Amino acid sequence: VDAQEILNNARSAASDLNKAGVKSFEMIQTTHDISVYDPNAPSTFSTDGEIKTWYAAPTRWRIESQQTSSVSANLPSFKHITVADGAAQYDYAPSENTVTIQPADSNSFPSPSVLSLDFLQQDMSNCYEPKVVGQEKIAGRDAYKVSMGIAKCRSAAAPELNGPHTIWLDKKTFFMLKSEIRALGSDTITSVMEATS
């Protein structure tokens, strides 16, 4: 199976769920990120999170996200809820007790949280050398395991994201079910996002 073809299918699915044959879905994802400026030193802080997504249509969906940081152990965890009911989109920040309401927009579904659209839209051919390295089950679904290799387009602001990157893409929908980045010159995982159901 050609890695570039898989990534093209994932990009297409991320831009139009109907093209991927997806009418609705529910997904739960966990995230874990650490800052690693020196692979031989302990991380300076970490962030754990969970994202729950319900999707019924381009203007009917709900996303609940929660994050806890090791730096802010004495502070409440960050929570955010966004709901689109077809007529409007509601963004609720419980910690601030605020709601922002805007008209419904069929392009407003924040695909990056589900499909990592921001990553899939990067210039893969210049920044990575993707290779299919296997197949695994993630959240009970068959997935292609694609090694992107080490980033050739390096980030100075987030050096912990420059190491080897591996992604797992659902064989049927091409959703990104798992993403894992390791530190350069180390086996330390600096960022992982994984669908759990």
C-alpha atoms as a PDB file:
ATOM      1  CA  VAL A   1       0.000   0.000   0.000  1.00  0.00           C
ATOM      2  CA  ASP A   2       1.376   3.400  -0.977  1.00  0.00           C
ATOM      3  CA  ALA A   3       1.870   5.772   1.976  1.00  0.00           C
ATOM      4  CA  GLN A   4       1.281   8.889  -0.127  1.00  0.00           C
ATOM      5  CA  GLU A   5      -2.040   7.490  -1.388  1.00  0.00           C
ATOM      6  CA  ILE A   6      -3.137   6.806   2.203  1.00  0.00           C
ATOM      7  CA  LEU A   7      -2.219  10.369   3.215  1.00  0.00           C
ATOM      8  CA  ASN A   8      -4.071  11.794   0.209  1.00  0.00           C
ATOM      9  CA  ASN A   9      -7.177   9.811   1.223  1.00  0.00           C
ATOM     10  CA  ALA A  10      -6.826  11.113   4.798  1.00  0.00           C
ATOM     11  CA  ARG A  11      -6.527  14.694   3.549  1.00  0.00           C
ATOM     12  CA  SER A  12      -9.618  14.222   1.397  1.00  0.00           C
ATOM     13  CA  ALA A  13     -11.580  12.725   4.319  1.00  0.00           C
ATOM     14  CA  ALA A  14     -10.491  15.576   6.584  1.00  0.00           C
ATOM     15  CA  SER A  15     -11.785  18.165   4.145  1.00  0.00           C
ATOM     16  CA  ASP A  16     -15.121  16.404   3.452  1.00  0.00           C
ATOM     17  CA  LEU A  17     -16.457  13.677   5.732  1.00  0.00           C
ATOM     18  CA  ASN A  18     -19.112  12.733   3.169  1.00  0.00           C
ATOM     19  CA  LYS A  19     -16.349  11.779   0.692  1.00  0.00           C
ATOM     20  CA  ALA A  20     -15.105   9.312   3.289  1.00  0.00           C
ATOM     21  CA  GLY A  21     -18.640   7.891   3.614  1.00  0.00           C
ATOM     22  CA  VAL A  22     -18.965   9.178   7.183  1.00  0.00           C
ATOM     23  CA  LYS A  23     -22.476  10.360   8.058  1.00  0.00           C
ATOM     24  CA  SER A  24     -22.069  10.381  11.839  1.00  0.00           C
ATOM     25  CA  PHE A  25     -19.668   9.211  14.538  1.00  0.00           C
ATOM     26  CA  GLU A  26     -18.732   9.314  18.210  1.00  0.00           C
ATOM     27  CA  MET A  27     -15.093   9.338  19.259  1.00  0.00           C
ATOM     28  CA  ILE A  28     -13.141   9.588  22.501  1.00  0.00           C
ATOM     29  CA  GLN A  29      -9.466  10.534  22.341  1.00  0.00           C
ATOM     30  CA  THR A  30      -6.786  10.932  24.982  1.00  0.00           C
ATOM     31  CA  THR A  31      -3.770  13.215  24.648  1.00  0.00           C
ATOM     32  CA  HIS A  32      -0.447  13.450  26.453  1.00  0.00           C
ATOM     33  CA  ASP A  33       2.197  16.058  25.689  1.00  0.00           C
ATOM     34  CA  ILE A  34       5.503  16.793  27.393  1.00  0.00           C
ATOM     35  CA  SER A  35       8.125  19.444  26.822  1.00  0.00           C
ATOM     36  CA  VAL A  36      11.536  17.962  26.143  1.00  0.00           C
ATOM     37  CA  TYR A  37      14.234  20.504  25.386  1.00  0.00           C
ATOM     38  CA  ASP A  38      17.027  18.096  26.271  1.00  0.00           C
ATOM     39  CA  PRO A  39      16.289  14.387  25.567  1.00  0.00           C
ATOM     40  CA  ASN A  40      18.652  13.427  28.406  1.00  0.00           C
ATOM     41  CA  ALA A  41      16.898  15.586  30.995  1.00  0.00           C
ATOM     42  CA  PRO A  42      13.478  15.205  32.622  1.00  0.00           C
ATOM     43  CA  SER A  43      10.570  17.037  31.017  1.00  0.00           C
ATOM     44  CA  THR A  44       9.732  20.488  32.325  1.00  0.00           C
ATOM     45  CA  PHE A  45       5.964  19.973  32.243  1.00  0.00           C
ATOM     46  CA  SER A  46       3.282  17.741  30.818  1.00  0.00           C
ATOM     47  CA  THR A  47      -0.336  18.072  29.747  1.00  0.00           C
ATOM     48  CA  ASP A  48      -2.960  15.325  29.711  1.00  0.00           C
ATOM     49  CA  GLY A  49      -6.324  15.637  28.077  1.00  0.00           C
ATOM     50  CA  GLU A  50      -9.442  13.973  26.771  1.00  0.00           C
ATOM     51  CA  ILE A  51     -11.569  14.953  23.785  1.00  0.00           C
ATOM     52  CA  LYS A  52     -15.093  13.607  23.253  1.00  0.00           C
ATOM     53  CA  THR A  53     -16.691  14.228  19.867  1.00  0.00           C
ATOM     54  CA  TRP A  54     -20.201  13.571  18.586  1.00  0.00           C
ATOM     55  CA  TYR A  55     -20.844  14.324  14.908  1.00  0.00           C
ATOM     56  CA  ALA A  56     -24.265  14.137  13.204  1.00  0.00           C
ATOM     57  CA  ALA A  57     -23.877  16.631  10.324  1.00  0.00           C
ATOM     58  CA  PRO A  58     -21.662  19.557   9.250  1.00  0.00           C
ATOM     59  CA  THR A  59     -23.728  21.900  11.454  1.00  0.00           C
ATOM     60  CA  ARG A  60     -24.795  19.407  14.157  1.00  0.00           C
ATOM     61  CA  TRP A  61     -22.007  18.269  16.482  1.00  0.00           C
ATOM     62  CA  ARG A  62     -20.600  18.512  20.012  1.00  0.00           C
ATOM     63  CA  ILE A  63     -17.021  18.512  21.283  1.00  0.00           C
ATOM     64  CA  GLU A  64     -16.017  18.400  24.951  1.00  0.00           C
ATOM     65  CA  SER A  65     -12.346  18.820  25.772  1.00  0.00           C
ATOM     66  CA  GLN A  66     -10.514  18.810  29.062  1.00  0.00           C
ATOM     67  CA  GLN A  67      -6.824  19.333  29.849  1.00  0.00           C
ATOM     68  CA  THR A  68      -4.771  19.138  33.003  1.00  0.00           C
ATOM     69  CA  SER A  69      -1.221  20.482  33.183  1.00  0.00           C
ATOM     70  CA  SER A  70       1.481  19.404  35.633  1.00  0.00           C
ATOM     71  CA  VAL A  71       2.496  23.061  35.929  1.00  0.00           C
ATOM     72  CA  SER A  72      -0.917  24.148  37.156  1.00  0.00           C
ATOM     73  CA  ALA A  73      -1.497  21.369  39.693  1.00  0.00           C
ATOM     74  CA  ASN A  74      -3.249  23.791  42.071  1.00  0.00           C
ATOM     75  CA  LEU A  75      -5.544  25.135  39.357  1.00  0.00           C
ATOM     76  CA  PRO A  76      -8.707  23.489  38.045  1.00  0.00           C
ATOM     77  CA  SER A  77      -8.355  21.639  34.770  1.00  0.00           C
ATOM     78  CA  PHE A  78      -9.189  23.493  31.570  1.00  0.00           C
ATOM     79  CA  LYS A  79     -12.554  22.529  30.091  1.00  0.00           C
ATOM     80  CA  HIS A  80     -14.271  23.639  26.917  1.00  0.00           C
ATOM     81  CA  ILE A  81     -17.554  22.593  25.291  1.00  0.00           C
ATOM     82  CA  THR A  82     -18.613  23.525  21.776  1.00  0.00           C
ATOM     83  CA  VAL A  83     -22.037  22.594  20.417  1.00  0.00           C
ATOM     84  CA  ALA A  84     -23.552  23.262  17.004  1.00  0.00           C
ATOM     85  CA  ASP A  85     -27.303  22.590  16.748  1.00  0.00           C
ATOM     86  CA  GLY A  86     -27.859  23.451  13.093  1.00  0.00           C
ATOM     87  CA  ALA A  87     -28.888  27.048  13.752  1.00  0.00           C
ATOM     88  CA  ALA A  88     -26.041  28.290  15.950  1.00  0.00           C
ATOM     89  CA  GLN A  89     -22.714  27.326  17.479  1.00  0.00           C
ATOM     90  CA  TYR A  90     -22.235  27.695  21.251  1.00  0.00           C
ATOM     91  CA  ASP A  91     -18.748  27.876  22.813  1.00  0.00           C
ATOM     92  CA  TYR A  92     -18.868  27.367  26.567  1.00  0.00           C
ATOM     93  CA  ALA A  93     -15.900  27.916  28.893  1.00  0.00           C
ATOM     94  CA  PRO A  94     -17.007  26.591  32.324  1.00  0.00           C
ATOM     95  CA  SER A  95     -14.028  28.036  34.227  1.00  0.00           C
ATOM     96  CA  GLU A  96     -14.898  31.525  32.983  1.00  0.00           C
ATOM     97  CA  ASN A  97     -18.657  30.888  32.969  1.00  0.00           C
ATOM     98  CA  THR A  98     -18.929  32.381  29.477  1.00  0.00           C
ATOM     99  CA  VAL A  99     -20.834  31.366  26.358  1.00  0.00           C
ATOM    100  CA  THR A 100     -20.143  32.702  22.881  1.00  0.00           C
ATOM    101  CA  ILE A 101     -22.882  32.236  20.297  1.00  0.00           C
ATOM    102  CA  GLN A 102     -22.445  32.581  16.550  1.00  0.00           C
ATOM    103  CA  PRO A 103     -24.486  31.546  13.486  1.00  0.00           C
ATOM    104  CA  ALA A 104     -24.113  27.962  12.286  1.00  0.00           C
ATOM    105  CA  ASP A 105     -21.468  27.460   9.613  1.00  0.00           C
ATOM    106  CA  SER A 106     -21.109  24.189   7.691  1.00  0.00           C
ATOM    107  CA  ASN A 107     -17.322  24.758   7.605  1.00  0.00           C
ATOM    108  CA  SER A 108     -16.995  25.325  11.352  1.00  0.00           C
ATOM    109  CA  PHE A 109     -16.562  21.704  12.462  1.00  0.00           C
ATOM    110  CA  PRO A 110     -13.056  21.756  13.986  1.00  0.00           C
ATOM    111  CA  SER A 111     -11.637  18.769  12.127  1.00  0.00           C
ATOM    112  CA  PRO A 112      -8.128  19.073  13.621  1.00  0.00           C
ATOM    113  CA  SER A 113      -9.331  17.643  16.931  1.00  0.00           C
ATOM    114  CA  VAL A 114     -10.661  14.568  15.164  1.00  0.00           C
ATOM    115  CA  LEU A 115      -8.667  14.168  12.003  1.00  0.00           C
ATOM    116  CA  SER A 116      -5.569  16.267  12.735  1.00  0.00           C
ATOM    117  CA  LEU A 117      -6.359  18.263   9.620  1.00  0.00           C
ATOM    118  CA  ASP A 118      -3.698  20.829  10.491  1.00  0.00           C
ATOM    119  CA  PHE A 119      -1.042  18.113  10.273  1.00  0.00           C
ATOM    120  CA  LEU A 120      -2.526  16.465   7.182  1.00  0.00           C
ATOM    121  CA  GLN A 121      -2.532  19.765   5.298  1.00  0.00           C
ATOM    122  CA  GLN A 122       1.212  20.309   5.729  1.00  0.00           C
ATOM    123  CA  ASP A 123       3.452  19.831   2.717  1.00  0.00           C
ATOM    124  CA  MET A 124       4.163  16.148   3.327  1.00  0.00           C
ATOM    125  CA  SER A 125       6.457  15.716   0.341  1.00  0.00           C
ATOM    126  CA  ASN A 126       8.876  18.397   1.561  1.00  0.00           C
ATOM    127  CA  CYS A 127       8.655  17.829   5.318  1.00  0.00           C
ATOM    128  CA  TYR A 128       8.422  14.039   5.644  1.00  0.00           C
ATOM    129  CA  GLU A 129       9.290  10.736   4.018  1.00  0.00           C
ATOM    130  CA  PRO A 130       6.174   8.642   4.762  1.00  0.00           C
ATOM    131  CA  LYS A 131       6.357   4.839   4.708  1.00  0.00           C
ATOM    132  CA  VAL A 132       3.731   2.249   5.584  1.00  0.00           C
ATOM    133  CA  VAL A 133       5.351   0.152   8.331  1.00  0.00           C
ATOM    134  CA  GLY A 134       2.466  -2.100   9.301  1.00  0.00           C
ATOM    135  CA  GLN A 135      -1.138  -2.417  10.323  1.00  0.00           C
ATOM    136  CA  GLU A 136      -2.580  -2.411  13.846  1.00  0.00           C
ATOM    137  CA  LYS A 137      -5.893  -2.138  15.643  1.00  0.00           C
ATOM    138  CA  ILE A 138      -6.589   1.163  17.379  1.00  0.00           C
ATOM    139  CA  ALA A 139      -9.826   1.437  19.380  1.00  0.00           C
ATOM    140  CA  GLY A 140     -10.891  -1.859  17.796  1.00  0.00           C
ATOM    141  CA  ARG A 141     -10.496  -0.547  14.227  1.00  0.00           C
ATOM    142  CA  ASP A 142      -8.034  -1.673  11.564  1.00  0.00           C
ATOM    143  CA  ALA A 143      -5.471   1.040  10.872  1.00  0.00           C
ATOM    144  CA  TYR A 144      -2.467   1.638   8.629  1.00  0.00           C
ATOM    145  CA  LYS A 145       0.681   2.451  10.618  1.00  0.00           C
ATOM    146  CA  VAL A 146       2.603   5.133   8.720  1.00  0.00           C
ATOM    147  CA  SER A 147       6.056   6.293   9.765  1.00  0.00           C
ATOM    148  CA  MET A 148       6.521   9.898   8.710  1.00  0.00           C
ATOM    149  CA  GLY A 149      10.181   9.879   9.787  1.00  0.00           C
ATOM    150  CA  ILE A 150      11.962  12.840  11.335  1.00  0.00           C
ATOM    151  CA  ALA A 151      10.547  16.252  10.432  1.00  0.00           C
ATOM    152  CA  LYS A 152      12.630  17.971   7.767  1.00  0.00           C
ATOM    153  CA  CYS A 153      10.687  21.216   8.328  1.00  0.00           C
ATOM    154  CA  ARG A 154      11.947  21.880  11.846  1.00  0.00           C
ATOM    155  CA  SER A 155      10.130  23.941  14.452  1.00  0.00           C
ATOM    156  CA  ALA A 156      12.317  26.246  16.532  1.00  0.00           C
ATOM    157  CA  ALA A 157       9.393  27.143  18.810  1.00  0.00           C
ATOM    158  CA  ALA A 158       8.519  23.501  19.622  1.00  0.00           C
ATOM    159  CA  PRO A 159      11.689  21.394  19.211  1.00  0.00           C
ATOM    160  CA  GLU A 160      10.010  18.477  20.998  1.00  0.00           C
ATOM    161  CA  LEU A 161       7.859  18.026  17.868  1.00  0.00           C
ATOM    162  CA  ASN A 162      10.796  17.603  15.444  1.00  0.00           C
ATOM    163  CA  GLY A 163      11.500  13.945  16.183  1.00  0.00           C
ATOM    164  CA  PRO A 164      10.210  10.792  14.503  1.00  0.00           C
ATOM    165  CA  HIS A 165       6.455  10.972  13.899  1.00  0.00           C
ATOM    166  CA  THR A 166       4.208   7.932  13.437  1.00  0.00           C
ATOM    167  CA  ILE A 167       0.508   8.052  12.610  1.00  0.00           C
ATOM    168  CA  TRP A 168      -2.197   5.384  12.484  1.00  0.00           C
ATOM    169  CA  LEU A 169      -4.959   5.993   9.922  1.00  0.00           C
ATOM    170  CA  ASP A 170      -8.282   4.137   9.926  1.00  0.00           C
ATOM    171  CA  LYS A 171      -8.405   1.815   6.901  1.00  0.00           C
ATOM    172  CA  LYS A 172     -12.017   2.667   6.150  1.00  0.00           C
ATOM    173  CA  THR A 173     -12.534   6.330   7.088  1.00  0.00           C
ATOM    174  CA  PHE A 174      -8.858   7.471   7.048  1.00  0.00           C
ATOM    175  CA  PHE A 175      -9.406   9.241  10.383  1.00  0.00           C
ATOM    176  CA  MET A 176      -6.150   9.688  12.270  1.00  0.00           C
ATOM    177  CA  LEU A 177      -6.709   7.277  15.175  1.00  0.00           C
ATOM    178  CA  LYS A 178      -3.297   7.763  16.743  1.00  0.00           C
ATOM    179  CA  SER A 179      -0.366  10.138  16.425  1.00  0.00           C
ATOM    180  CA  GLU A 180       2.926   9.684  18.254  1.00  0.00           C
ATOM    181  CA  ILE A 181       6.005  11.918  18.223  1.00  0.00           C
ATOM    182  CA  ARG A 182       9.290  10.980  19.884  1.00  0.00           C
ATOM    183  CA  ALA A 183      12.120  13.274  20.934  1.00  0.00           C
ATOM    184  CA  LEU A 184      15.122  13.570  18.638  1.00  0.00           C
ATOM    185  CA  GLY A 185      17.869  11.182  19.739  1.00  0.00           C
ATOM    186  CA  SER A 186      15.667   9.556  22.398  1.00  0.00           C
ATOM    187  CA  ASP A 187      12.833   7.075  22.792  1.00  0.00           C
ATOM    188  CA  THR A 188      10.883   9.569  24.905  1.00  0.00           C
ATOM    189  CA  ILE A 189       7.360  10.142  23.599  1.00  0.00           C
ATOM    190  CA  THR A 190       6.776  13.897  23.560  1.00  0.00           C
ATOM    191  CA  SER A 191       3.267  13.897  22.121  1.00  0.00           C
ATOM    192  CA  VAL A 192       0.612  11.238  21.717  1.00  0.00           C
ATOM    193  CA  MET A 193      -3.034  11.448  20.697  1.00  0.00           C
ATOM    194  CA  GLU A 194      -5.027   8.222  20.573  1.00  0.00           C
ATOM    195  CA  ALA A 195      -8.634   7.314  19.950  1.00  0.00           C
ATOM    196  CA  THR A 196      -9.772   5.008  22.744  1.00  0.00           C
ATOM    197  CA  SER A 197     -13.253   4.351  21.372  1.00  0.00           C
END
